[in-house]
Amino acid sequence: MLDTLYPYGEADGAAITERTPWAAASRKGRLRAALDRTYLRTYLEAHRAGEARVALGRAADFYGPRVMRMMNPTLGGAFFPAALTGEPALGFGDITLPHSYSYLPDIAAGLVELGTTGDEEALGRAWHLPTVPAVSTEHIHGLAERVIGGRITTRVLERPVAAGPFDERFMAEYAESFYQHLIPQNMVWTPFEHRFGRQPTPLLDGPRTIVEWYRELLAARPSTRQP
């Protein structure tokens, strides 16, 4: 099963491990934590009873090729197409703070590892999936500039206000989760590395693959310009 970091809330953002206490303070975070407790108990009880083989993988904000959601407020469909077409690319909060980003192919590979492992001791628990050490969102923007070969115009939203594809309704709902962009958020995945020996994709390789994929996507779209 794939899971998120929302239950941790603002707890120990400098080093979020599988042992970090759950401290969700937002309405959505508390709801997610309650759901997690319910299904974790249900699935892990099934595991202990021998009714299923269960493992959970947690990931940070994900990015990568085929991440098409325009409403992904970090490095999804609202960032790379804008960066490639010269439009303002949005950044949220303090983009100089360290923030964990999980590369989508690494998430998939980690889940496959958990789903096919013959190591019974690796089951019946939650794991943080392979993720490069946290860097600032500003640093990721710089890597994207290197790959694109030009400057990216970035508009940083210091508070949750409507901008670009994010309308007032979205921002009103997202406001309580905006804290994620105002504190350090560093997900540590050392236990997975020690158990399975896997490494995440090098930091520069991710943006390079993403830019190439989006370039192909944009080139394949019909032009909307009038003759």
Foldseek 3Di string as FASTA:
>chain_A
DEDEDLQQDQFPQVEDFLPRHGDHDFPVSVVSNVVCVVVLVVVLVCVVVVNDWAEYEYEYAEEFAPQCDCPSQAHGNQALVCQLVQHAGEAEAPQQAWGWYAYVVQSVVQVVCSVPDPPSVNTSYYAYTATPWTGGSVVLQVLLCVLSVHHHHYDYDNAQADDDPQHPVNSVVCRSVSVSRHHRHTYDGVVSCVVPVDHGDPSSVRSNNRNVNVVVVVVPDDDPDDD
